[in-house]
């Protein structure tokens, strides 16, 4: 998916959550979005997913305006918050089946994708356990398994590395994201963990007060010194103070 954001602005009353945000991404990119609390990271993902509509500006998928009510466009993406919404009375298999019906996915390879996701995420023994009995990290694995089964073109992950996943789960998220990006998917995730963002992205975007302040390619990040005034950490300190 070729993704374009053109002057995307979002207000909540007097609060400016996003301000004239513009970005263009060709297919097959992993994008990390970092910023302080309240910088606009989650609002950006919600605008991209259609959960909220921009106050101004537009989002385009492959050159076509993204319409929130257009189901076929919504089925090209999946938004996964750090606390996924799941029905407690269901089990993992039932949840995945529900998501697949919502996305109208019944292609021949879907069973293999489900089995591989459950196996890789250590969920096979828990596949029929009520979701209400699972830990937070296990619930996120169930939601992520559904994403892998759907195989959307656009992944929107809000704080996936602060979702309670164990080391194996974190490794699988990275592995599957890299594989999907190599196949042409676009992965955008938010994080507060600078060390992860530096190492796990093709493009790192810094949001401050709703604006895209800086962006770094993988090559630019590799060229930055690890410490000192020109390091990424030092350059990000400037955004700690309120904008004048």
C-alpha atoms as a PDB file:
ATOM      1  CA  UNK A   1       0.000   0.000   0.000  1.00  0.00           C
ATOM      2  CA  UNK A   2       1.232   3.459  -0.937  1.00  0.00           C
ATOM      3  CA  UNK A   3       0.209   5.657   1.981  1.00  0.00           C
ATOM      4  CA  UNK A   4      -0.105   9.447   1.940  1.00  0.00           C
ATOM      5  CA  UNK A   5      -1.084  11.885   4.675  1.00  0.00           C
ATOM      6  CA  UNK A   6      -1.734  15.402   3.491  1.00  0.00           C
ATOM      7  CA  UNK A   7      -2.040  18.137   6.096  1.00  0.00           C
ATOM      8  CA  UNK A   8      -3.848  15.871   8.549  1.00  0.00           C
ATOM      9  CA  UNK A   9      -5.118  17.909  11.501  1.00  0.00           C
ATOM     10  CA  UNK A  10      -7.232  16.690  14.404  1.00  0.00           C
ATOM     11  CA  UNK A  11      -8.795  18.813  17.125  1.00  0.00           C
ATOM     12  CA  UNK A  12     -10.609  17.656  20.217  1.00  0.00           C
ATOM     13  CA  UNK A  13     -12.342  20.860  21.257  1.00  0.00           C
ATOM     14  CA  UNK A  14      -9.545  23.278  22.076  1.00  0.00           C
ATOM     15  CA  UNK A  15      -6.892  20.558  22.069  1.00  0.00           C
ATOM     16  CA  UNK A  16      -4.811  20.254  18.897  1.00  0.00           C
ATOM     17  CA  UNK A  17      -3.897  16.562  18.792  1.00  0.00           C
ATOM     18  CA  UNK A  18      -2.459  16.590  15.247  1.00  0.00           C
ATOM     19  CA  UNK A  19      -1.346  19.668  13.339  1.00  0.00           C
ATOM     20  CA  UNK A  20      -0.797  19.718   9.571  1.00  0.00           C
ATOM     21  CA  UNK A  21       0.774  16.248   9.575  1.00  0.00           C
ATOM     22  CA  UNK A  22       2.061  15.209   6.155  1.00  0.00           C
ATOM     23  CA  UNK A  23       3.939  12.032   5.270  1.00  0.00           C
ATOM     24  CA  UNK A  24       4.314   9.735   2.278  1.00  0.00           C
ATOM     25  CA  UNK A  25       5.245   6.063   2.573  1.00  0.00           C
ATOM     26  CA  UNK A  26       5.860   3.607  -0.247  1.00  0.00           C
ATOM     27  CA  UNK A  27       4.907  -0.039   0.347  1.00  0.00           C
ATOM     28  CA  UNK A  28       7.062  -2.316   2.448  1.00  0.00           C
ATOM     29  CA  UNK A  29       8.157   0.056   5.206  1.00  0.00           C
ATOM     30  CA  UNK A  30       8.334  -0.355   8.978  1.00  0.00           C
ATOM     31  CA  UNK A  31       7.736   3.026  10.597  1.00  0.00           C
ATOM     32  CA  UNK A  32       8.338   3.812  14.267  1.00  0.00           C
ATOM     33  CA  UNK A  33       6.514   6.803  15.747  1.00  0.00           C
ATOM     34  CA  UNK A  34       7.907   8.245  18.958  1.00  0.00           C
ATOM     35  CA  UNK A  35       7.069  11.262  21.085  1.00  0.00           C
ATOM     36  CA  UNK A  36       6.234  12.328  24.596  1.00  0.00           C
ATOM     37  CA  UNK A  37       2.944  11.450  26.273  1.00  0.00           C
ATOM     38  CA  UNK A  38       0.196  13.417  24.549  1.00  0.00           C
ATOM     39  CA  UNK A  39       2.336  14.162  21.487  1.00  0.00           C
ATOM     40  CA  UNK A  40      -0.288  12.758  19.091  1.00  0.00           C
ATOM     41  CA  UNK A  41       0.952   9.227  18.382  1.00  0.00           C
ATOM     42  CA  UNK A  42      -2.292   7.416  19.137  1.00  0.00           C
ATOM     43  CA  UNK A  43      -4.373  10.078  17.385  1.00  0.00           C
ATOM     44  CA  UNK A  44      -2.268   9.569  14.275  1.00  0.00           C
ATOM     45  CA  UNK A  45      -2.957   5.820  14.307  1.00  0.00           C
ATOM     46  CA  UNK A  46      -6.655   6.392  14.925  1.00  0.00           C
ATOM     47  CA  UNK A  47      -6.897   8.769  11.979  1.00  0.00           C
ATOM     48  CA  UNK A  48      -5.144   6.234   9.771  1.00  0.00           C
ATOM     49  CA  UNK A  49      -7.473   3.467  10.928  1.00  0.00           C
ATOM     50  CA  UNK A  50     -10.695   5.451  10.521  1.00  0.00           C
ATOM     51  CA  UNK A  51     -11.557   5.301  14.213  1.00  0.00           C
ATOM     52  CA  UNK A  52     -11.631   9.100  14.157  1.00  0.00           C
ATOM     53  CA  UNK A  53     -11.920  11.481  11.217  1.00  0.00           C
ATOM     54  CA  UNK A  54      -9.392  14.271  10.675  1.00  0.00           C
ATOM     55  CA  UNK A  55     -10.660  17.765  11.317  1.00  0.00           C
ATOM     56  CA  UNK A  56      -8.786  18.793   8.200  1.00  0.00           C
ATOM     57  CA  UNK A  57      -6.547  17.140   5.610  1.00  0.00           C
ATOM     58  CA  UNK A  58      -6.782  13.694   4.074  1.00  0.00           C
ATOM     59  CA  UNK A  59      -5.364  10.182   4.095  1.00  0.00           C
ATOM     60  CA  UNK A  60      -4.849   8.375   0.774  1.00  0.00           C
ATOM     61  CA  UNK A  61      -4.415   4.671   0.062  1.00  0.00           C
ATOM     62  CA  UNK A  62      -2.763   4.041  -3.311  1.00  0.00           C
ATOM     63  CA  UNK A  63      -3.774   7.514  -4.420  1.00  0.00           C
ATOM     64  CA  UNK A  64      -7.433   7.127  -3.417  1.00  0.00           C
ATOM     65  CA  UNK A  65      -8.945   9.161  -0.548  1.00  0.00           C
ATOM     66  CA  UNK A  66      -9.531   6.999   2.516  1.00  0.00           C
ATOM     67  CA  UNK A  67     -13.249   6.932   3.305  1.00  0.00           C
ATOM     68  CA  UNK A  68     -14.125   5.734   6.813  1.00  0.00           C
ATOM     69  CA  UNK A  69     -17.440   4.240   5.649  1.00  0.00           C
ATOM     70  CA  UNK A  70     -15.913   2.327   2.746  1.00  0.00           C
ATOM     71  CA  UNK A  71     -15.658  -1.215   4.051  1.00  0.00           C
ATOM     72  CA  UNK A  72     -13.241  -2.499   1.431  1.00  0.00           C
ATOM     73  CA  UNK A  73     -10.732   0.181   2.442  1.00  0.00           C
ATOM     74  CA  UNK A  74     -11.140  -0.552   6.139  1.00  0.00           C
ATOM     75  CA  UNK A  75     -10.529  -4.239   5.413  1.00  0.00           C
ATOM     76  CA  UNK A  76      -7.077  -3.390   4.070  1.00  0.00           C
ATOM     77  CA  UNK A  77      -5.852  -2.378   7.525  1.00  0.00           C
ATOM     78  CA  UNK A  78      -5.957  -3.429  11.145  1.00  0.00           C
ATOM     79  CA  UNK A  79      -5.487  -1.273  14.240  1.00  0.00           C
ATOM     80  CA  UNK A  80      -4.220  -3.072  17.327  1.00  0.00           C
ATOM     81  CA  UNK A  81      -4.149  -1.101  20.608  1.00  0.00           C
ATOM     82  CA  UNK A  82      -1.973  -2.129  23.509  1.00  0.00           C
ATOM     83  CA  UNK A  83      -5.138  -3.259  25.341  1.00  0.00           C
ATOM     84  CA  UNK A  84      -7.111  -5.039  22.589  1.00  0.00           C
ATOM     85  CA  UNK A  85     -10.895  -5.242  22.960  1.00  0.00           C
ATOM     86  CA  UNK A  86     -11.879  -8.909  23.252  1.00  0.00           C
ATOM     87  CA  UNK A  87     -15.034 -10.730  24.362  1.00  0.00           C
ATOM     88  CA  UNK A  88     -14.180 -12.389  27.662  1.00  0.00           C
ATOM     89  CA  UNK A  89     -16.527 -15.331  27.086  1.00  0.00           C
ATOM     90  CA  UNK A  90     -14.854 -16.329  23.840  1.00  0.00           C
ATOM     91  CA  UNK A  91     -11.723 -18.387  23.338  1.00  0.00           C
ATOM     92  CA  UNK A  92      -8.822 -17.669  20.983  1.00  0.00           C
ATOM     93  CA  UNK A  93     -10.237 -19.699  18.092  1.00  0.00           C
ATOM     94  CA  UNK A  94     -13.625 -18.018  18.372  1.00  0.00           C
ATOM     95  CA  UNK A  95     -12.058 -14.566  18.462  1.00  0.00           C
ATOM     96  CA  UNK A  96      -9.950 -15.251  15.388  1.00  0.00           C
ATOM     97  CA  UNK A  97     -12.982 -16.662  13.557  1.00  0.00           C
ATOM     98  CA  UNK A  98     -14.975 -13.523  14.422  1.00  0.00           C
ATOM     99  CA  UNK A  99     -12.248 -11.258  13.093  1.00  0.00           C
ATOM    100  CA  UNK A 100     -11.907 -13.311   9.910  1.00  0.00           C
ATOM    101  CA  UNK A 101     -15.664 -13.035   9.277  1.00  0.00           C
ATOM    102  CA  UNK A 102     -15.496  -9.292   9.820  1.00  0.00           C
ATOM    103  CA  UNK A 103     -12.704  -9.011   7.271  1.00  0.00           C
ATOM    104  CA  UNK A 104     -14.342 -11.543   4.935  1.00  0.00           C
ATOM    105  CA  UNK A 105     -11.172 -13.613   4.794  1.00  0.00           C
ATOM    106  CA  UNK A 106     -11.714 -17.197   3.740  1.00  0.00           C
ATOM    107  CA  UNK A 107      -8.832 -17.763   1.352  1.00  0.00           C
ATOM    108  CA  UNK A 108      -7.281 -21.266   1.145  1.00  0.00           C
ATOM    109  CA  UNK A 109      -4.216 -20.350   3.208  1.00  0.00           C
ATOM    110  CA  UNK A 110      -6.009 -18.918   6.216  1.00  0.00           C
ATOM    111  CA  UNK A 111      -6.006 -22.162   8.240  1.00  0.00           C
ATOM    112  CA  UNK A 112      -2.249 -22.466   7.847  1.00  0.00           C
ATOM    113  CA  UNK A 113      -1.798 -18.854   8.975  1.00  0.00           C
ATOM    114  CA  UNK A 114      -3.912 -19.447  12.073  1.00  0.00           C
ATOM    115  CA  UNK A 115      -2.028 -22.611  13.008  1.00  0.00           C
ATOM    116  CA  UNK A 116       1.374 -20.970  12.464  1.00  0.00           C
ATOM    117  CA  UNK A 117       0.407 -17.920  14.540  1.00  0.00           C
ATOM    118  CA  UNK A 118      -0.917 -19.986  17.452  1.00  0.00           C
ATOM    119  CA  UNK A 119       2.148 -22.231  17.367  1.00  0.00           C
ATOM    120  CA  UNK A 120       4.679 -19.408  17.165  1.00  0.00           C
ATOM    121  CA  UNK A 121       2.994 -17.477  19.979  1.00  0.00           C
ATOM    122  CA  UNK A 122       2.690 -20.535  22.273  1.00  0.00           C
ATOM    123  CA  UNK A 123      -1.119 -20.367  22.160  1.00  0.00           C
ATOM    124  CA  UNK A 124      -1.954 -23.879  20.920  1.00  0.00           C
ATOM    125  CA  UNK A 125      -2.469 -25.255  24.460  1.00  0.00           C
ATOM    126  CA  UNK A 126      -4.706 -22.245  25.215  1.00  0.00           C
ATOM    127  CA  UNK A 127      -6.657 -22.132  21.971  1.00  0.00           C
ATOM    128  CA  UNK A 128      -9.935 -23.170  23.621  1.00  0.00           C
ATOM    129  CA  UNK A 129      -9.394 -21.535  27.012  1.00  0.00           C
ATOM    130  CA  UNK A 130     -11.821 -18.708  27.895  1.00  0.00           C
ATOM    131  CA  UNK A 131     -10.159 -15.375  27.210  1.00  0.00           C
ATOM    132  CA  UNK A 132     -11.086 -14.195  30.702  1.00  0.00           C
ATOM    133  CA  UNK A 133      -8.593 -16.724  32.110  1.00  0.00           C
ATOM    134  CA  UNK A 134      -5.628 -15.422  30.083  1.00  0.00           C
ATOM    135  CA  UNK A 135      -2.992 -12.904  31.109  1.00  0.00           C
ATOM    136  CA  UNK A 136      -2.643  -9.507  29.480  1.00  0.00           C
ATOM    137  CA  UNK A 137       0.258 -10.679  27.339  1.00  0.00           C
ATOM    138  CA  UNK A 138      -1.628 -13.791  26.250  1.00  0.00           C
ATOM    139  CA  UNK A 139      -4.640 -11.672  25.264  1.00  0.00           C
ATOM    140  CA  UNK A 140      -2.408  -9.507  23.115  1.00  0.00           C
ATOM    141  CA  UNK A 141      -1.050 -12.658  21.483  1.00  0.00           C
ATOM    142  CA  UNK A 142      -4.612 -13.707  20.637  1.00  0.00           C
ATOM    143  CA  UNK A 143      -5.326 -10.317  19.047  1.00  0.00           C
ATOM    144  CA  UNK A 144      -2.025 -10.418  17.175  1.00  0.00           C
ATOM    145  CA  UNK A 145      -2.792 -13.936  15.957  1.00  0.00           C
ATOM    146  CA  UNK A 146      -6.003 -12.589  14.437  1.00  0.00           C
ATOM    147  CA  UNK A 147      -3.990  -9.877  12.686  1.00  0.00           C
ATOM    148  CA  UNK A 148      -1.633 -12.488  11.254  1.00  0.00           C
ATOM    149  CA  UNK A 149      -4.591 -14.562  10.080  1.00  0.00           C
ATOM    150  CA  UNK A 150      -6.115 -11.557   8.300  1.00  0.00           C
ATOM    151  CA  UNK A 151      -2.741 -10.468   6.851  1.00  0.00           C
ATOM    152  CA  UNK A 152      -3.720  -6.804   6.295  1.00  0.00           C
ATOM    153  CA  UNK A 153      -1.773  -4.509   3.997  1.00  0.00           C
ATOM    154  CA  UNK A 154      -1.473  -1.869   6.719  1.00  0.00           C
ATOM    155  CA  UNK A 155      -0.597  -2.686  10.327  1.00  0.00           C
ATOM    156  CA  UNK A 156      -1.290   0.012  12.919  1.00  0.00           C
ATOM    157  CA  UNK A 157       0.151  -1.032  16.289  1.00  0.00           C
ATOM    158  CA  UNK A 158      -0.177   1.220  19.328  1.00  0.00           C
ATOM    159  CA  UNK A 159       2.612   0.509  21.843  1.00  0.00           C
ATOM    160  CA  UNK A 160       3.085  -3.175  20.895  1.00  0.00           C
ATOM    161  CA  UNK A 161       6.266  -3.374  22.979  1.00  0.00           C
ATOM    162  CA  UNK A 162       4.421  -2.241  26.129  1.00  0.00           C
ATOM    163  CA  UNK A 163       1.589  -4.747  25.756  1.00  0.00           C
ATOM    164  CA  UNK A 164       2.684  -7.359  28.281  1.00  0.00           C
ATOM    165  CA  UNK A 165       4.308  -9.665  25.725  1.00  0.00           C
ATOM    166  CA  UNK A 166       7.029 -12.040  26.839  1.00  0.00           C
ATOM    167  CA  UNK A 167      10.405 -12.117  25.028  1.00  0.00           C
ATOM    168  CA  UNK A 168       9.227 -14.829  22.631  1.00  0.00           C
ATOM    169  CA  UNK A 169       6.130 -12.821  21.766  1.00  0.00           C
ATOM    170  CA  UNK A 170       8.150  -9.661  21.183  1.00  0.00           C
ATOM    171  CA  UNK A 171      10.529 -11.552  18.897  1.00  0.00           C
ATOM    172  CA  UNK A 172       7.608 -12.959  16.874  1.00  0.00           C
ATOM    173  CA  UNK A 173       6.064  -9.499  16.450  1.00  0.00           C
ATOM    174  CA  UNK A 174       9.330  -8.223  15.006  1.00  0.00           C
ATOM    175  CA  UNK A 175       9.895 -11.290  12.847  1.00  0.00           C
ATOM    176  CA  UNK A 176       6.388 -11.282  11.371  1.00  0.00           C
ATOM    177  CA  UNK A 177       6.476  -7.524  10.809  1.00  0.00           C
ATOM    178  CA  UNK A 178       9.734  -7.833   8.872  1.00  0.00           C
ATOM    179  CA  UNK A 179       8.329 -10.694   6.785  1.00  0.00           C
ATOM    180  CA  UNK A 180       5.148  -8.781   6.007  1.00  0.00           C
ATOM    181  CA  UNK A 181       7.045  -5.622   5.113  1.00  0.00           C
ATOM    182  CA  UNK A 182       9.257  -7.649   2.783  1.00  0.00           C
ATOM    183  CA  UNK A 183       6.042  -8.840   1.097  1.00  0.00           C
ATOM    184  CA  UNK A 184       4.843  -5.251   0.640  1.00  0.00           C
ATOM    185  CA  UNK A 185       2.851  -4.487   3.787  1.00  0.00           C
ATOM    186  CA  UNK A 186       3.237  -1.207   5.648  1.00  0.00           C
ATOM    187  CA  UNK A 187       3.769  -1.418   9.414  1.00  0.00           C
ATOM    188  CA  UNK A 188       3.379   1.675  11.585  1.00  0.00           C
ATOM    189  CA  UNK A 189       3.824   1.393  15.338  1.00  0.00           C
ATOM    190  CA  UNK A 190       4.111   3.810  18.224  1.00  0.00           C
ATOM    191  CA  UNK A 191       6.521   3.362  21.096  1.00  0.00           C
ATOM    192  CA  UNK A 192       8.081   5.169  24.024  1.00  0.00           C
ATOM    193  CA  UNK A 193      11.128   2.895  23.953  1.00  0.00           C
ATOM    194  CA  UNK A 194      13.856   4.703  22.056  1.00  0.00           C
ATOM    195  CA  UNK A 195      16.181   1.709  21.887  1.00  0.00           C
ATOM    196  CA  UNK A 196      13.558  -0.358  20.044  1.00  0.00           C
ATOM    197  CA  UNK A 197      12.630   2.475  17.694  1.00  0.00           C
ATOM    198  CA  UNK A 198      16.272   3.008  16.735  1.00  0.00           C
ATOM    199  CA  UNK A 199      16.817  -0.645  15.818  1.00  0.00           C
ATOM    200  CA  UNK A 200      13.458  -1.722  14.473  1.00  0.00           C
ATOM    201  CA  UNK A 201      12.342   0.573  11.672  1.00  0.00           C
ATOM    202  CA  UNK A 202      13.006   1.772   8.155  1.00  0.00           C
ATOM    203  CA  UNK A 203      11.844   5.240   9.147  1.00  0.00           C
ATOM    204  CA  UNK A 204      11.598   6.860  12.566  1.00  0.00           C
ATOM    205  CA  UNK A 205       9.150   9.758  12.956  1.00  0.00           C
ATOM    206  CA  UNK A 206       9.263  12.142  15.901  1.00  0.00           C
ATOM    207  CA  UNK A 207       5.948  13.765  16.856  1.00  0.00           C
ATOM    208  CA  UNK A 208       5.800  16.768  19.166  1.00  0.00           C
ATOM    209  CA  UNK A 209       2.622  18.712  19.959  1.00  0.00           C
ATOM    210  CA  UNK A 210       0.890  17.002  17.074  1.00  0.00           C
ATOM    211  CA  UNK A 211       3.500  17.925  14.485  1.00  0.00           C
ATOM    212  CA  UNK A 212       6.037  15.837  12.623  1.00  0.00           C
ATOM    213  CA  UNK A 213       9.224  17.445  13.911  1.00  0.00           C
ATOM    214  CA  UNK A 214      11.911  15.124  12.554  1.00  0.00           C
ATOM    215  CA  UNK A 215      12.269  11.889  10.643  1.00  0.00           C
ATOM    216  CA  UNK A 216      15.248   9.580  10.237  1.00  0.00           C
ATOM    217  CA  UNK A 217      15.844   6.777   7.774  1.00  0.00           C
ATOM    218  CA  UNK A 218      17.555   3.597   8.918  1.00  0.00           C
ATOM    219  CA  UNK A 219      20.789   4.824   7.350  1.00  0.00           C
ATOM    220  CA  UNK A 220      20.575   8.192   9.080  1.00  0.00           C
ATOM    221  CA  UNK A 221      19.963   6.515  12.423  1.00  0.00           C
ATOM    222  CA  UNK A 222      22.977   4.259  11.917  1.00  0.00           C
ATOM    223  CA  UNK A 223      25.140   7.323  11.255  1.00  0.00           C
ATOM    224  CA  UNK A 224      24.181   9.063  14.515  1.00  0.00           C
ATOM    225  CA  UNK A 225      26.647   8.764  17.412  1.00  0.00           C
ATOM    226  CA  UNK A 226      25.396   6.642  20.337  1.00  0.00           C
ATOM    227  CA  UNK A 227      26.117   9.387  22.881  1.00  0.00           C
ATOM    228  CA  UNK A 228      26.886  13.076  22.975  1.00  0.00           C
ATOM    229  CA  UNK A 229      25.112  16.203  21.740  1.00  0.00           C
ATOM    230  CA  UNK A 230      24.442  14.778  18.275  1.00  0.00           C
ATOM    231  CA  UNK A 231      22.964  11.482  19.475  1.00  0.00           C
ATOM    232  CA  UNK A 232      19.304  10.763  18.887  1.00  0.00           C
ATOM    233  CA  UNK A 233      18.544  10.885  22.600  1.00  0.00           C
ATOM    234  CA  UNK A 234      20.116  14.335  22.899  1.00  0.00           C
ATOM    235  CA  UNK A 235      18.276  15.626  19.843  1.00  0.00           C
ATOM    236  CA  UNK A 236      14.970  14.475  21.299  1.00  0.00           C
ATOM    237  CA  UNK A 237      15.494  16.366  24.561  1.00  0.00           C
ATOM    238  CA  UNK A 238      14.578  19.611  22.838  1.00  0.00           C
ATOM    239  CA  UNK A 239      10.975  18.439  22.673  1.00  0.00           C
ATOM    240  CA  UNK A 240      10.635  18.229  26.447  1.00  0.00           C
ATOM    241  CA  UNK A 241       9.881  21.916  26.743  1.00  0.00           C
ATOM    242  CA  UNK A 242       6.462  23.271  25.678  1.00  0.00           C
ATOM    243  CA  UNK A 243       6.420  24.903  22.281  1.00  0.00           C
ATOM    244  CA  UNK A 244       6.681  28.695  22.413  1.00  0.00           C
END
